[in-house]
Amino acid sequence: MKTKNKIKILLGFLGIMIAFSSCVKDNFDEPPTNCNDFNFTATHTIKELKAMLTGDTLKLGDTVMIMGYVSSSDLHGNIYKELIIEDETGGIAIQIDQTDMHETYPLGLKVFVNCNGLYLGKSYEVVKLGGLFEEYGTIKFGRISDEDIVSEQIIRTCDKNLVTPTDVNLPVNDDLLYQFVKIDSVQFADNEIGDTYADWINQISVNHNIIDINGKTLIVRTSGYATFAKDSLPEGSGTIIGILGKYNDDYQLYLNSTDDINFDLERF
């Protein structure tokens, strides 16, 4: 083989390696593209924002700005049309009529939310951020449908960090709603071992129960559309991490991924 051909092959190989390295780095190390370095200032904490709601709904003005880190991911289909963020005071779900939001708002991304024109309201007795829509002549609180509003008002910064869950014990309470939490020393209930996370055939969501050594329980709810819906529940005990939500009076844990379960210990 001639020297020139060898050099061409070597340069081509190096080009592939550099391109591959760039892709990996872009996914894990570098800040997201199309982000903002502007130094915004939050006017309210998430806890203060939620406390503003005293009735059914509240339209927010241009003086309200919150900051939070993204703790949800819809990559595996278990979180649906909600972007969940939290600060040091609590978490909140932003209802958005979009999917694949993990591509735009990845886990750990710091965002500012200009709440001007958005609404606070309750969904199954839980305070959330969203918009209004009309259904059969009735105005209801729900998802933000305008993509332009979403992109303009949820401001992506160039700051991205690992999301650290809050250590909690059962039973949980409202102060922890929509926070990324970690619960140690739990297992799925005896009568549920052998079940799958959800009904993946009919794509129906299913509730399962985790239990601690003192008999305290918490629902783990999985969508029938989740990529792991057909996986079997783990048999051991250990640690589970997820986002704490609530449906009426029932607290529920939502998994971003089964990677957030580490049941490598014997059952108790």
Foldseek 3Di string as FASTA:
>chain_A
DDPVVVVVVVVVVVVVVVVVVVVVCQVPPFFDPPADPDDDDAPDFPVRVLVVDDDAKDQDAQVGKYKFFWAAFCPQPFDPQWTKTHDPQEIAIAHAPDPRCCVVRNGQWMKMFRRHGWMWHDDLRDTHIAHWDDDPNDIDTGHHYDPVNVPVGTHTHRDGDHQDADEDEPPDDPSHAFGKHKYWAKFWDPVQAVPFCAQLVVQAKDWTWIAHPVGGIAIEIGTSSGNRRRPTGDGAGTMAIAGWHDRNHHIYGYHNDCVRDDRPHHHD
